[in-house]
Protein backbone atom coordinates (compact mmCIF):
# COMPACT_ATOMS: atom_id res chain seq x y z
CA UNK A 1 -7.95 -11.74 -10.44
CA UNK A 2 -9.69 -15.09 -10.07
CA UNK A 3 -11.93 -15.21 -7.06
CA UNK A 4 -12.11 -11.39 -6.71
CA UNK A 5 -14.65 -8.92 -7.80
CA UNK A 6 -13.48 -7.35 -11.06
CA UNK A 7 -12.74 -3.72 -9.76
CA UNK A 8 -9.84 -1.38 -9.60
CA UNK A 9 -8.95 -2.33 -6.09
CA UNK A 10 -10.99 -5.22 -4.58
CA UNK A 11 -8.66 -6.06 -1.76
CA UNK A 12 -5.43 -5.06 0.10
CA UNK A 13 -2.53 -4.65 -2.14
CA UNK A 14 -5.21 -5.02 -5.12
CA UNK A 15 -5.11 -8.82 -5.00
CA UNK A 16 -3.56 -12.11 -3.82
CA UNK A 17 -0.11 -11.63 -5.43
CA UNK A 18 0.30 -8.41 -3.49
CA UNK A 19 1.67 -6.26 -6.47
CA UNK A 20 -0.01 -3.18 -5.25
CA UNK A 21 -0.91 -2.19 -8.80
CA UNK A 22 -4.59 -0.89 -9.58
CA UNK A 23 -6.37 -2.86 -12.23
CA UNK A 24 -7.28 -1.22 -15.34
CA UNK A 25 -6.34 2.17 -14.11
CA UNK A 26 -3.65 4.53 -15.64
CA UNK A 27 -1.17 6.35 -13.68
CA UNK A 28 -1.68 10.17 -13.24
CA UNK A 29 1.33 11.24 -15.34
CA UNK A 30 2.05 14.04 -12.86
CA UNK A 31 3.93 17.06 -14.27
CA UNK A 32 5.47 20.08 -12.58
CA UNK A 33 2.16 21.95 -12.47
CA UNK A 34 0.25 19.20 -10.72
CA UNK A 35 -2.01 20.53 -8.00
CA UNK A 36 -3.95 17.71 -6.58
CA UNK A 37 -7.12 18.11 -4.44
CA UNK A 38 -6.88 16.67 -0.97
CA UNK A 39 -9.80 15.88 1.49
CA UNK A 40 -9.23 14.14 4.85
CA UNK A 41 -11.47 12.55 7.49
CA UNK A 42 -10.46 11.59 11.01
CA UNK A 43 -11.00 7.70 11.27
CA UNK A 44 -9.37 6.31 14.34
CA UNK A 45 -8.36 2.61 13.96
CA UNK A 46 -8.90 2.21 10.29
CA UNK A 47 -7.21 -0.42 8.17
CA UNK A 48 -8.07 -0.33 4.54
CA UNK A 49 -10.53 0.71 1.82
CA UNK A 50 -11.55 -1.63 -0.98
CA UNK A 51 -13.68 -0.86 -3.98
CA UNK A 52 -16.77 -2.93 -5.44
CA UNK A 53 -18.45 -0.57 -8.05
CA UNK A 54 -17.95 2.75 -9.20
CA UNK A 55 -19.50 4.52 -6.14
CA UNK A 56 -19.03 1.41 -3.94
CA UNK A 57 -16.23 1.88 -1.50
CA UNK A 58 -15.91 0.20 1.83
CA UNK A 59 -13.84 1.08 4.84
CA UNK A 60 -12.72 -1.46 7.45
CA UNK A 61 -12.18 -0.05 11.06
CA UNK A 62 -11.85 -1.69 14.57
CA UNK A 63 -11.60 -1.16 18.32
CA UNK A 64 -8.62 -2.17 20.56
CA UNK A 65 -7.81 -4.82 23.11
CA UNK A 66 -8.18 -8.46 23.71
CA UNK A 67 -11.97 -8.49 22.80
CA UNK A 68 -11.77 -6.07 19.82
CA UNK A 69 -14.59 -5.75 17.46
CA UNK A 70 -14.54 -4.65 13.76
CA UNK A 71 -17.01 -2.92 11.50
CA UNK A 72 -17.40 -1.94 7.90
CA UNK A 73 -18.50 1.48 6.65
CA UNK A 74 -19.71 2.29 3.12
CA UNK A 75 -18.24 5.65 2.32
CA UNK A 76 -18.79 8.47 -0.04
CA UNK A 77 -15.98 8.28 -2.51
CA UNK A 78 -15.76 12.10 -2.56
CA UNK A 79 -16.49 13.40 1.05
CA UNK A 80 -15.31 10.11 2.75
CA UNK A 81 -18.32 10.35 4.95
CA UNK A 82 -20.28 7.14 5.99
CA UNK A 83 -23.18 6.26 3.93
CA UNK A 84 -24.07 3.00 5.69
CA UNK A 85 -22.51 0.95 8.50
CA UNK A 86 -22.59 -2.81 9.50
CA UNK A 87 -23.22 -4.02 12.98
CA UNK A 88 -20.29 -4.51 15.05
CA UNK A 89 -18.58 -7.79 14.04
CA UNK A 90 -17.36 -10.22 16.50
CA UNK A 91 -13.41 -10.10 16.62
CA UNK A 92 -11.00 -11.03 19.26
CA UNK A 93 -7.29 -10.33 20.08
CA UNK A 94 -6.21 -7.26 18.07
CA UNK A 95 -4.25 -7.19 15.00
CA UNK A 96 -5.26 -5.36 11.88
CA UNK A 97 -7.36 -7.74 9.89
CA UNK A 98 -8.44 -7.66 6.25
CA UNK A 99 -11.38 -7.19 3.81
CA UNK A 100 -12.00 -7.97 0.15
CA UNK A 101 -14.80 -8.16 -2.27
CA UNK A 102 -15.44 -11.54 -3.65
CA UNK A 103 -16.41 -12.46 -7.19
CA UNK A 104 -19.68 -13.31 -5.85
CA UNK A 105 -20.27 -9.84 -4.87
CA UNK A 106 -20.10 -10.20 -1.12
CA UNK A 107 -17.66 -8.40 1.13
CA UNK A 108 -15.54 -10.67 3.34
CA UNK A 109 -13.85 -9.63 6.59
CA UNK A 110 -11.31 -11.35 8.81
CA UNK A 111 -10.51 -9.82 12.15
CA UNK A 112 -9.42 -11.19 15.38
CA UNK A 113 -10.24 -14.82 15.42
CA UNK A 114 -13.57 -14.40 13.37
CA UNK A 115 -14.53 -14.32 9.63
CA UNK A 116 -17.74 -12.68 8.17
CA UNK A 117 -19.53 -12.53 4.94
CA UNK A 118 -21.36 -9.32 4.29
CA UNK A 119 -23.86 -8.24 1.54
CA UNK A 120 -23.12 -5.04 -0.35
CA UNK A 121 -25.75 -3.40 1.99
CA UNK A 122 -23.52 -4.60 4.85
CA UNK A 123 -26.11 -6.90 6.38
CA UNK A 124 -24.36 -10.12 7.77
CA UNK A 125 -24.88 -13.23 5.72
CA UNK A 126 -22.57 -15.76 7.59
CA UNK A 127 -20.02 -15.68 10.33
CA UNK A 128 -17.54 -18.00 11.92
CA UNK A 129 -15.32 -18.33 14.94
CA UNK A 130 -11.83 -19.40 13.88
CA UNK A 131 -10.33 -22.41 15.89
CA UNK A 132 -7.31 -20.40 17.57
CA UNK A 133 -7.64 -17.65 20.07
CA UNK A 134 -5.06 -15.60 18.18
CA UNK A 135 -5.49 -12.78 15.60
CA UNK A 136 -5.80 -14.12 12.01
CA UNK A 137 -4.22 -11.46 9.89
CA UNK A 138 -6.30 -11.26 6.82
CA UNK A 139 -6.75 -13.64 3.99
CA UNK A 140 -6.48 -14.19 0.22
CA UNK A 141 -9.09 -15.40 -2.10
CA UNK A 142 -8.27 -18.48 -4.47
CA UNK A 143 -9.53 -18.96 -7.91
CA UNK A 144 -12.06 -21.58 -6.64
CA UNK A 145 -13.66 -18.80 -4.57
CA UNK A 146 -12.28 -20.31 -1.29
CA UNK A 147 -10.84 -17.98 1.48
CA UNK A 148 -7.48 -18.79 2.70
CA UNK A 149 -6.37 -17.54 6.03
CA UNK A 150 -4.18 -18.27 9.01
CA UNK A 151 -3.40 -17.35 12.62
CA UNK A 152 -0.75 -14.69 13.47
CA UNK A 153 2.27 -16.13 15.49
CA UNK A 154 3.83 -12.71 16.52
CA UNK A 155 3.72 -10.55 19.71
CA UNK A 156 0.62 -8.15 19.61
CA UNK A 157 0.95 -4.22 19.57
CA UNK A 158 2.49 -2.90 22.94
CA UNK A 159 3.31 -6.32 24.19
CA UNK A 160 6.52 -6.30 26.32
CA UNK A 161 6.52 -9.74 27.58
CA UNK A 162 8.61 -12.64 26.28
CA UNK A 163 6.70 -14.25 23.50
CA UNK A 164 6.85 -17.80 22.36
CA UNK A 165 6.04 -18.18 18.62
CA UNK A 166 4.12 -21.28 17.77
CA UNK A 167 3.63 -22.84 14.28
CA UNK A 168 0.77 -21.23 12.25
CA UNK A 169 -2.21 -23.13 10.89
CA UNK A 170 -3.48 -22.61 7.46
CA UNK A 171 -7.22 -22.74 6.83
CA UNK A 172 -9.54 -22.90 3.82
CA UNK A 173 -13.07 -21.46 4.23
CA UNK A 174 -15.99 -22.21 1.97
CA UNK A 175 -17.30 -18.85 0.61
CA UNK A 176 -21.04 -19.56 1.05
CA UNK A 177 -21.20 -20.20 4.77
CA UNK A 178 -17.49 -19.96 5.89
CA UNK A 179 -17.28 -23.41 7.16
CA UNK A 180 -13.63 -24.78 7.41
CA UNK A 181 -13.23 -27.30 4.46
CA UNK A 182 -9.37 -27.82 4.96
CA UNK A 183 -6.70 -27.11 7.42
CA UNK A 184 -2.87 -27.61 7.59
CA UNK A 185 -0.35 -26.93 10.34
CA UNK A 186 2.75 -25.40 8.96
CA UNK A 187 6.13 -26.48 10.06
CA UNK A 188 7.04 -23.06 11.65
CA UNK A 189 5.53 -19.80 12.89
CA UNK A 190 4.62 -16.90 10.53
CA UNK A 191 3.99 -13.37 11.15
CA UNK A 192 3.43 -12.10 7.51
CA UNK A 193 0.15 -12.13 5.66
CA UNK A 194 -0.31 -14.81 3.15
CA UNK A 195 0.26 -14.35 -0.70
CA UNK A 196 -1.02 -16.47 -3.49
CA UNK A 197 -0.36 -17.20 -7.24
CA UNK A 198 -3.59 -18.86 -8.52
CA UNK A 199 -3.76 -22.17 -6.53
CA UNK A 200 -0.41 -21.84 -4.94
CA UNK A 201 -0.25 -20.23 -1.42
CA UNK A 202 2.98 -18.67 -0.13
CA UNK A 203 3.69 -18.49 3.67
CA UNK A 204 6.63 -16.44 4.83
CA UNK A 205 7.76 -18.37 7.95
CA UNK A 206 10.17 -17.07 10.74
CA UNK A 207 12.94 -18.81 8.91
CA UNK A 208 11.94 -19.79 5.49
CA UNK A 209 9.31 -19.35 2.78
CA UNK A 210 6.92 -22.27 2.51
CA UNK A 211 4.66 -23.09 -0.38
CA UNK A 212 1.31 -25.02 -0.23
CA UNK A 213 -0.88 -26.30 -3.15
CA UNK A 214 -4.58 -26.08 -3.08
CA UNK A 215 -6.21 -28.89 -5.21
CA UNK A 216 -9.27 -31.13 -5.05
CA UNK A 217 -10.34 -29.40 -1.72
CA UNK A 218 -6.96 -30.54 -0.14
CA UNK A 219 -4.06 -28.46 1.12
CA UNK A 220 -0.59 -30.08 0.35
CA UNK A 221 2.75 -28.76 1.69
CA UNK A 222 5.49 -28.71 -1.03
CA UNK A 223 8.10 -30.31 1.12
CA UNK A 224 10.49 -29.98 -1.93
CA UNK A 225 10.18 -26.31 -1.66
CA UNK A 226 11.56 -24.78 1.45
CA UNK A 227 13.65 -21.61 0.70
CA UNK A 228 15.39 -20.69 3.99
CA UNK A 229 16.23 -16.91 3.98
CA UNK A 230 17.15 -16.46 7.71
CA UNK A 231 20.96 -17.44 7.50
CA UNK A 232 22.70 -14.27 9.05
CA UNK A 233 23.55 -13.71 12.52
CA UNK A 234 21.22 -10.94 13.89
CA UNK A 235 18.56 -11.29 11.11
CA UNK A 236 15.05 -11.59 12.17
CA UNK A 237 11.88 -12.54 10.33
CA UNK A 238 10.41 -11.57 6.99
CA UNK A 239 6.85 -9.97 6.27
CA UNK A 240 4.42 -10.12 3.32
CA UNK A 241 5.54 -11.49 0.00
CA UNK A 242 5.02 -10.06 -3.43
CA UNK A 243 4.72 -12.67 -6.15
CA UNK A 244 6.09 -11.09 -9.37
CA UNK A 245 8.76 -11.69 -12.17
CA UNK A 246 8.99 -15.45 -11.28
CA UNK A 247 9.94 -14.73 -7.69
CA UNK A 248 8.65 -14.13 -4.18
CA UNK A 249 9.79 -10.89 -2.90
CA UNK A 250 9.87 -9.72 0.79
CA UNK A 251 11.80 -7.74 3.33
CA UNK A 252 13.24 -9.15 6.44
CA UNK A 253 14.01 -7.95 10.06
CA UNK A 254 10.38 -7.58 11.06
CA UNK A 255 11.21 -8.24 14.74
CA UNK A 256 10.09 -5.16 16.77
CA UNK A 257 7.26 -4.11 14.65
CA UNK A 258 4.93 -4.69 17.64
CA UNK A 259 6.66 -1.70 19.36
CA UNK A 260 5.13 0.68 16.96
CA UNK A 261 4.19 3.89 18.94
CA UNK A 262 3.23 6.25 16.01
CA UNK A 263 6.40 5.50 14.02
CA UNK A 264 8.96 2.80 13.14
CA UNK A 265 11.84 5.25 13.05
CA UNK A 266 14.57 4.42 15.36
CA UNK A 267 12.88 1.39 17.25
CA UNK A 268 14.32 -1.60 15.28
CA UNK A 269 16.01 -4.36 17.20
CA UNK A 270 17.63 -6.54 14.59
CA UNK A 271 21.56 -6.43 14.72
CA UNK A 272 21.83 -7.52 10.95
CA UNK A 273 21.17 -4.98 8.21
CA UNK A 274 17.80 -5.20 6.55
CA UNK A 275 17.44 -6.96 3.28
CA UNK A 276 15.27 -7.13 0.24
CA UNK A 277 14.88 -11.08 -0.09
CA UNK A 278 14.16 -12.65 -3.59
CA UNK A 279 13.25 -16.31 -3.76
CA UNK A 280 12.99 -18.07 -7.19
CA UNK A 281 9.56 -19.75 -7.41
CA UNK A 282 10.93 -22.61 -9.46
CA UNK A 283 14.17 -23.40 -7.83
CA UNK A 284 13.79 -22.06 -4.36
CA UNK A 285 17.03 -20.25 -4.78
CA UNK A 286 17.47 -17.26 -2.34
CA UNK A 287 19.13 -13.97 -3.11
CA UNK A 288 19.37 -10.91 -0.77
CA UNK A 289 20.46 -7.36 -1.19
CA UNK A 290 20.99 -4.82 1.82
CA UNK A 291 18.70 -1.85 1.80
CA UNK A 292 21.19 0.39 3.48
CA UNK A 293 23.74 -1.55 5.48
CA UNK A 294 22.68 -0.30 8.77
CA UNK A 295 21.76 -2.12 12.03
CA UNK A 296 18.37 -1.87 13.76
CA UNK A 297 16.35 -1.87 10.66
CA UNK A 298 12.62 -2.51 10.89
CA UNK A 299 9.64 -3.01 8.37
CA UNK A 300 6.24 -4.67 8.58
CA UNK A 301 5.13 -4.41 4.98
CA UNK A 302 6.12 -5.53 1.44
CA UNK A 303 8.37 -4.17 -1.34
CA UNK A 304 7.16 -3.25 -4.82
CA UNK A 305 8.17 -5.04 -8.00
CA UNK A 306 8.21 -3.45 -11.47
CA UNK A 307 8.39 -6.33 -13.83
CA UNK A 308 8.40 -4.21 -16.90
CA UNK A 309 11.38 -2.21 -16.00
CA UNK A 310 13.07 -4.96 -13.91
CA UNK A 311 13.17 -2.66 -10.75
CA UNK A 312 12.54 -3.65 -7.19
CA UNK A 313 12.01 -1.12 -4.52
CA UNK A 314 12.62 -1.85 -0.82
CA UNK A 315 12.84 0.21 2.37
CA UNK A 316 14.05 0.30 5.91
CA UNK A 317 11.50 2.04 8.12
CA UNK A 318 13.76 1.81 11.10
CA UNK A 319 16.53 3.91 9.48
CA UNK A 320 14.32 5.80 7.09
CA UNK A 321 15.90 4.62 3.69
CA UNK A 322 14.25 3.65 0.39
CA UNK A 323 16.47 1.76 -2.13
CA UNK A 324 15.64 0.56 -5.72
CA UNK A 325 17.47 -2.32 -7.39
CA UNK A 326 17.76 -3.39 -10.92
CA UNK A 327 17.35 -7.11 -11.15
CA UNK A 328 18.21 -9.88 -13.57
CA UNK A 329 16.95 -13.34 -14.55
CA UNK A 330 19.95 -14.99 -12.83
CA UNK A 331 18.71 -13.48 -9.35
CA UNK A 332 21.15 -10.67 -9.03
CA UNK A 333 20.17 -7.38 -7.61
CA UNK A 334 22.28 -4.12 -7.97
CA UNK A 335 21.52 -0.76 -6.46
CA UNK A 336 19.93 1.74 -8.92
CA UNK A 337 18.96 4.73 -6.53
CA UNK A 338 18.70 5.29 -2.75
CA UNK A 339 17.18 8.15 -0.64
CA UNK A 340 16.50 9.02 2.88
CA UNK A 341 12.70 8.92 3.49
CA UNK A 342 10.58 7.79 6.34
CA UNK A 343 8.28 5.32 4.61
CA UNK A 344 6.60 2.54 6.46
CA UNK A 345 3.22 1.43 4.82
CA UNK A 346 2.08 -0.64 1.84
CA UNK A 347 2.36 1.26 -1.49
CA UNK A 348 0.66 2.08 -4.78
CA UNK A 349 2.39 1.44 -7.96
CA UNK A 350 1.10 2.66 -11.37
CA UNK A 351 2.90 0.10 -13.89
CA UNK A 352 2.27 2.11 -16.96
CA UNK A 353 3.77 5.50 -15.88
CA UNK A 354 6.21 4.05 -13.38
CA UNK A 355 4.72 6.30 -10.66
CA UNK A 356 5.38 4.95 -7.04
CA UNK A 357 3.21 6.34 -4.33
CA UNK A 358 5.16 6.43 -0.91
CA UNK A 359 5.00 8.22 2.35
CA UNK A 360 7.35 10.37 4.33
CA UNK A 361 6.93 10.84 8.10
CA UNK A 362 8.24 14.17 9.43
CA UNK A 363 8.07 14.29 13.19
CA UNK A 364 9.76 17.59 13.37
CA UNK A 365 7.15 19.25 10.86
CA UNK A 366 3.63 20.65 11.62
CA UNK A 367 2.59 18.17 8.80
CA UNK A 368 3.56 14.90 10.17
CA UNK A 369 3.10 12.82 7.13
CA UNK A 370 3.20 13.61 3.48
CA UNK A 371 2.54 11.46 0.36
CA UNK A 372 5.50 11.49 -2.02
CA UNK A 373 5.11 10.23 -5.60
CA UNK A 374 8.53 8.97 -6.90
CA UNK A 375 9.75 8.15 -10.53
CA UNK A 376 10.64 4.41 -10.19
CA UNK A 377 13.33 4.74 -12.75
CA UNK A 378 15.15 7.63 -10.97
CA UNK A 379 13.80 7.97 -7.45
CA UNK A 380 13.12 11.63 -8.02
CA UNK A 381 10.02 13.21 -6.58
CA UNK A 382 7.14 14.06 -8.84
CA UNK A 383 5.05 15.64 -6.19
CA UNK A 384 4.69 15.91 -2.35
CA UNK A 385 1.26 16.20 -0.71
CA UNK A 386 0.37 17.03 2.96
CA UNK A 387 -1.84 14.61 4.73
CA UNK A 388 -3.77 15.18 7.96
CA UNK A 389 -2.14 12.19 9.59
CA UNK A 390 -0.37 12.98 12.96
CA UNK A 391 1.35 9.46 12.80
CA UNK A 392 3.38 7.20 10.49
CA UNK A 393 1.20 5.17 8.12
CA UNK A 394 1.80 1.28 8.37
CA UNK A 395 -1.40 0.08 6.82
CA UNK A 396 -3.08 -0.14 3.30
CA UNK A 397 -3.76 2.66 0.60
CA UNK A 398 -6.11 2.00 -2.41
CA UNK A 399 -7.17 3.40 -5.70
CA UNK A 400 -10.69 4.27 -6.48
CA UNK A 401 -12.91 3.63 -9.63
CA UNK A 402 -12.39 7.34 -10.82
CA UNK A 403 -8.59 7.30 -10.21
CA UNK A 404 -8.58 9.06 -6.94
CA UNK A 405 -5.82 7.84 -4.34
CA UNK A 406 -7.11 6.81 -0.87
CA UNK A 407 -4.39 6.97 1.88
CA UNK A 408 -5.37 5.23 5.13
CA UNK A 409 -3.56 5.66 8.40
CA UNK A 410 -4.81 4.44 11.82
CA UNK A 411 -5.87 7.96 12.43
CA UNK A 412 -6.79 9.38 9.15
CA UNK A 413 -8.35 8.74 5.70
CA UNK A 414 -7.14 11.02 2.97
CA UNK A 415 -8.39 11.28 -0.58
CA UNK A 416 -6.10 12.66 -3.33
CA UNK A 417 -7.60 13.68 -6.74
CA UNK A 418 -4.78 14.03 -9.22
CA UNK A 419 -6.82 15.45 -12.09
């Protein structure tokens, strides 16, 4: 948590390692008589909620297009209604950005080709135009407090033209005034969001996982560590990495995610089966396991890793399958359970109780998307909850200071009170 505000959920995926585990918050321990309370609000083009204090919750929203803007709302944790709102923040080419609460108490936003620092009352303290006219897809905060971000190399939503991917550039921003203090062009393009373990930054490229060290205000590419994961015919690029259990974990076959039109189901373009990819952070050794063995798989988000139980959970949104694997120290992965379920978003994992919050998009149903809490050991459902989202969620959930779950789609924000 170095660099972040010490709250239950200060950033997307709860922090730079993307483990999706709330900080100092026990799981709900749902029983057969669980009857959660559910509240929803229409919030078109929302990306994520982050938490600062007990009643300080912030929602990131944006417009669309090549000159999109973003703004931040402070919302009531119970009603979800806005209490305060920032001015419109300069953005740029659309791709979902990111927001986090820094250890200095400020709220930081990266969206389009701009970065902003906001006070808790949402007044703007600093802004910067980033050097490339592309989306910068979010950021991580390093232990020094510096902001690490990079440009997005992939095609944008709705694009049908041929797209040439260019190498991404890693930037480090000074947290006080957001000036650029270091920059490094990477050897290859990257679509995935950054991950970090202390001062080591991980970049999932289009063919390999790369590692960069941040030290003495300098970025240094680790040229000895280049874990090539794209080795199969028909395989496509990977998305966000989770740093856990001595490995970096991510899912491949992300090609086609820009074609999202309310769901990922049935729109995958990769001929090879989709894999859970595991890269040993010491040796760079790569191991892969098929999620379901079917072609035309598709994802745009990370897996979940249960370090305590040695279970990894991946999914194929294009084919509607979730699979859990037992993993060993030698890199091996064996299937533990698998189930048909249309999940596409980031998840929430309660490490103490082993409860995994997922989604299930049901286009044939009056209720299009449901939340499904699974027992990570068995894959069995503990509860299923209707949301108000008419589309499949592909963005970021959160956990509030009182233990409530906040599920964000690009159409609806839903609060679930377990107790």
